[in-house]
Amino acid sequence: MPVVALALVAVLLASASVQVLLASRAARASRFRLLGDRRFSAEWCSSWLVLAGFACAAAGPAADLLGLVAPIAVLDRLPVQVAGIVVWCAAAVLARASQMTLGRSWRIGVVPAEHEALVLRGPYRVVRHPVYTALAAMLAGAALTDPTWIAASAAPLAFAGWEILARRVEEPHLIANHPEYAAYRSRAGRFVPVIGRV
């Protein structure tokens, strides 16, 4: 199902782009900060890992369509492909709900001068970074619909980038600007409930 996988990735990229544009327009400032200010900084490295993940998500099914790579045989089954679509759809709902919960606080990356409100409701009651969790699940779901080794590397690459961004960039910024964030970290998991509490 390489065409379905490509469609899922295209919808993910298009919806993320629209979300960034709408949020930036509403805030009258960019809500998207890619690559950071310095080469090889945590923000820079995380951005390139995420971009590599999205590139693999599209390259896997494209390579399959061109006959350059074949799906992993044990996963190339209709039930796995359907499960991938279900995972993608459920994760898309979580991603959208998480972004809506953040409202004007939603952005990609950190602008040190910005001090957005700390959101502790909705999915954020139990998980500190549910948008990243949902996006990784969407990449994994797309990979299951056309399980090539290239597509299978998409979610781990992007997730590694989000892990760096969360640990090294976003959470230090939140700790510095929100005294209550330390207590929040002790009760909410980083990407899934319970796991990653500090």
Protein backbone atom coordinates (compact mmCIF):
# COMPACT_ATOMS: atom_id res chain seq x y z
CA MET A 1 0.00 0.00 0.00
CA PRO A 2 2.69 2.54 -0.86
CA VAL A 3 0.14 5.00 -2.27
CA VAL A 4 -1.81 4.95 1.02
CA ALA A 5 1.41 5.43 3.00
CA LEU A 6 2.40 8.39 0.83
CA ALA A 7 -1.09 9.87 1.22
CA LEU A 8 -0.89 9.55 5.02
CA VAL A 9 2.52 11.25 5.08
CA ALA A 10 1.28 13.99 2.73
CA VAL A 11 -1.76 14.65 4.93
CA LEU A 12 0.47 14.76 8.02
CA LEU A 13 2.86 17.26 6.40
CA ALA A 14 0.06 19.38 4.96
CA SER A 15 -1.88 19.52 8.23
CA ALA A 16 1.26 20.40 10.20
CA SER A 17 2.07 23.18 7.72
CA VAL A 18 -1.44 24.60 7.92
CA GLN A 19 -1.34 24.45 11.73
CA VAL A 20 1.95 26.37 11.80
CA LEU A 21 0.61 29.01 9.39
CA LEU A 22 -2.65 29.48 11.28
CA ALA A 23 -0.94 29.65 14.67
CA SER A 24 1.67 32.09 13.35
CA ARG A 25 -1.00 34.30 11.83
CA ALA A 26 -3.06 34.31 15.04
CA ALA A 27 0.00 35.17 17.14
CA ARG A 28 1.33 37.64 14.54
CA ALA A 29 4.71 35.96 14.95
CA SER A 30 6.35 32.78 13.79
CA ARG A 31 5.28 29.70 15.77
CA PHE A 32 7.92 27.63 13.98
CA ARG A 33 11.56 27.77 14.96
CA LEU A 34 13.63 25.33 12.97
CA LEU A 35 17.32 24.54 13.38
CA GLY A 36 18.03 26.98 16.20
CA ASP A 37 20.66 29.68 16.15
CA ARG A 38 23.83 27.57 16.27
CA ARG A 39 25.05 24.60 14.28
CA PHE A 40 25.20 21.38 16.27
CA SER A 41 23.17 22.85 19.12
CA ALA A 42 20.52 20.58 20.64
CA GLU A 43 17.80 22.40 18.71
CA TRP A 44 19.76 22.14 15.46
CA CYS A 45 20.44 18.39 15.91
CA SER A 46 16.85 17.65 16.90
CA SER A 47 15.52 19.53 13.86
CA TRP A 48 17.68 17.55 11.45
CA LEU A 49 16.66 14.24 13.05
CA VAL A 50 12.98 15.13 12.74
CA LEU A 51 13.46 16.24 9.12
CA ALA A 52 15.30 12.97 8.39
CA GLY A 53 12.41 11.05 9.93
CA PHE A 54 9.85 12.80 7.75
CA ALA A 55 12.07 12.32 4.69
CA CYS A 56 12.26 8.57 5.40
CA ALA A 57 8.49 8.44 5.89
CA ALA A 58 8.03 9.71 2.33
CA ALA A 59 11.08 8.01 0.79
CA GLY A 60 10.07 4.50 1.93
CA PRO A 61 6.81 4.22 0.01
CA ALA A 62 8.24 6.24 -2.89
CA ALA A 63 11.11 3.77 -3.20
CA ASP A 64 8.62 0.90 -3.04
CA LEU A 65 6.54 2.45 -5.83
CA LEU A 66 9.68 2.77 -7.96
CA GLY A 67 10.66 -0.85 -7.25
CA LEU A 68 13.85 0.17 -5.44
CA VAL A 69 12.94 -1.52 -2.18
CA ALA A 70 10.43 -4.18 -1.16
CA PRO A 71 8.25 -4.22 1.96
CA ILE A 72 9.40 -6.32 4.91
CA ALA A 73 7.73 -9.64 4.11
CA VAL A 74 6.58 -10.56 7.61
CA LEU A 75 4.80 -7.18 7.99
CA ASP A 76 3.44 -6.93 4.46
CA ARG A 77 -0.01 -8.23 5.42
CA LEU A 78 -3.46 -6.64 5.19
CA PRO A 79 -4.17 -6.81 8.96
CA VAL A 80 -0.88 -4.98 9.67
CA GLN A 81 -1.67 -2.37 7.02
CA VAL A 82 -5.17 -1.80 8.40
CA ALA A 83 -3.70 -1.54 11.91
CA GLY A 84 -1.33 1.10 10.57
CA ILE A 85 -4.22 3.16 9.24
CA VAL A 86 -6.10 2.83 12.55
CA VAL A 87 -2.98 3.86 14.53
CA TRP A 88 -2.44 6.83 12.19
CA CYS A 89 -6.05 8.01 12.55
CA ALA A 90 -6.09 7.66 16.36
CA ALA A 91 -2.76 9.48 16.61
CA ALA A 92 -4.04 12.26 14.32
CA VAL A 93 -6.96 12.81 16.71
CA LEU A 94 -4.56 12.96 19.68
CA ALA A 95 -2.24 15.38 17.85
CA ARG A 96 -5.10 17.72 16.96
CA ALA A 97 -6.63 17.54 20.43
CA SER A 98 -3.24 18.27 22.02
CA GLN A 99 -2.61 21.25 19.74
CA MET A 100 -6.09 22.63 20.40
CA THR A 101 -5.56 22.22 24.15
CA LEU A 102 -2.39 24.31 23.92
CA GLY A 103 -4.19 27.07 22.03
CA ARG A 104 -1.99 30.15 21.74
CA SER A 105 0.81 28.39 23.65
CA TRP A 106 1.39 25.98 20.75
CA ARG A 107 4.63 26.43 18.83
CA ILE A 108 7.51 24.39 17.44
CA GLY A 109 10.81 25.09 19.16
CA VAL A 110 11.56 27.72 21.78
CA VAL A 111 11.84 31.47 21.48
CA PRO A 112 13.63 32.46 24.72
CA ALA A 113 11.86 35.82 24.93
CA GLU A 114 8.41 34.18 24.78
CA HIS A 115 6.74 33.12 28.00
CA GLU A 116 3.58 31.28 27.00
CA ALA A 117 1.11 29.98 29.55
CA LEU A 118 1.78 26.54 31.01
CA VAL A 119 -1.00 24.14 29.96
CA LEU A 120 -1.79 21.29 32.37
CA ARG A 121 -5.22 20.16 31.16
CA GLY A 122 -6.47 17.66 28.59
CA PRO A 123 -3.77 15.22 27.42
CA TYR A 124 -1.20 17.36 29.25
CA ARG A 125 -2.55 16.19 32.60
CA VAL A 126 -0.75 12.86 32.13
CA VAL A 127 1.81 13.47 29.35
CA ARG A 128 4.16 16.44 28.97
CA HIS A 129 4.64 16.14 25.20
CA PRO A 130 1.58 14.42 23.68
CA VAL A 131 1.99 16.14 20.30
CA TYR A 132 5.36 14.46 19.79
CA THR A 133 3.92 11.13 20.91
CA ALA A 134 1.07 11.48 18.43
CA LEU A 135 3.32 12.53 15.54
CA ALA A 136 5.65 9.57 16.17
CA ALA A 137 2.63 7.25 16.22
CA MET A 138 1.40 8.77 12.94
CA LEU A 139 4.80 8.08 11.34
CA ALA A 140 4.74 4.52 12.71
CA GLY A 141 1.19 4.00 11.43
CA ALA A 142 2.15 5.24 7.95
CA ALA A 143 5.15 2.90 7.99
CA LEU A 144 2.93 -0.08 8.81
CA THR A 145 0.81 0.57 5.72
CA ASP A 146 3.91 0.03 3.54
CA PRO A 147 6.52 -1.51 5.85
CA THR A 148 9.85 -0.90 4.11
CA TRP A 149 13.05 -0.60 6.12
CA ILE A 150 13.29 3.06 5.04
CA ALA A 151 9.79 3.89 6.32
CA ALA A 152 10.43 1.88 9.48
CA SER A 153 13.31 4.24 10.35
CA ALA A 154 11.07 7.34 10.17
CA ALA A 155 9.47 7.22 13.62
CA PRO A 156 12.70 6.33 15.52
CA LEU A 157 14.63 9.14 13.81
CA ALA A 158 11.95 11.75 14.41
CA PHE A 159 11.35 10.52 17.95
CA ALA A 160 15.08 10.83 18.72
CA GLY A 161 14.86 14.44 17.57
CA TRP A 162 11.82 15.12 19.73
CA GLU A 163 13.54 13.48 22.70
CA ILE A 164 16.49 15.87 22.33
CA LEU A 165 14.20 18.85 21.82
CA ALA A 166 12.08 17.98 24.86
CA ARG A 167 14.98 17.22 27.22
CA ARG A 168 17.56 19.78 26.15
CA VAL A 169 15.52 22.72 24.85
CA GLU A 170 11.85 22.84 25.83
CA GLU A 171 11.91 21.47 29.37
CA PRO A 172 14.80 23.69 30.55
CA HIS A 173 12.91 26.68 29.10
CA LEU A 174 9.72 25.65 30.90
CA ILE A 175 11.55 25.05 34.20
CA ALA A 176 13.13 28.51 33.97
CA ASN A 177 9.81 30.24 33.24
CA HIS A 178 7.28 28.22 35.25
CA PRO A 179 8.08 27.36 38.89
CA GLU A 180 5.21 24.83 38.92
CA TYR A 181 6.77 22.84 36.06
CA ALA A 182 9.06 20.88 38.41
CA ALA A 183 6.08 19.49 40.34
CA TYR A 184 4.27 18.80 37.07
CA ARG A 185 7.24 16.73 35.81
CA SER A 186 6.96 14.53 38.89
CA ARG A 187 3.40 13.47 38.03
CA ALA A 188 3.24 13.49 34.19
CA GLY A 189 5.24 11.19 31.94
CA ARG A 190 7.37 12.69 29.19
CA PHE A 191 5.80 10.96 26.16
CA VAL A 192 3.48 8.38 27.71
CA PRO A 193 1.72 8.34 31.09
CA VAL A 194 3.95 7.46 34.08
CA ILE A 195 7.18 6.81 32.10
CA GLY A 196 9.67 9.65 32.22
CA ARG A 197 8.46 11.32 35.38
CA VAL A 198 11.21 13.28 37.11
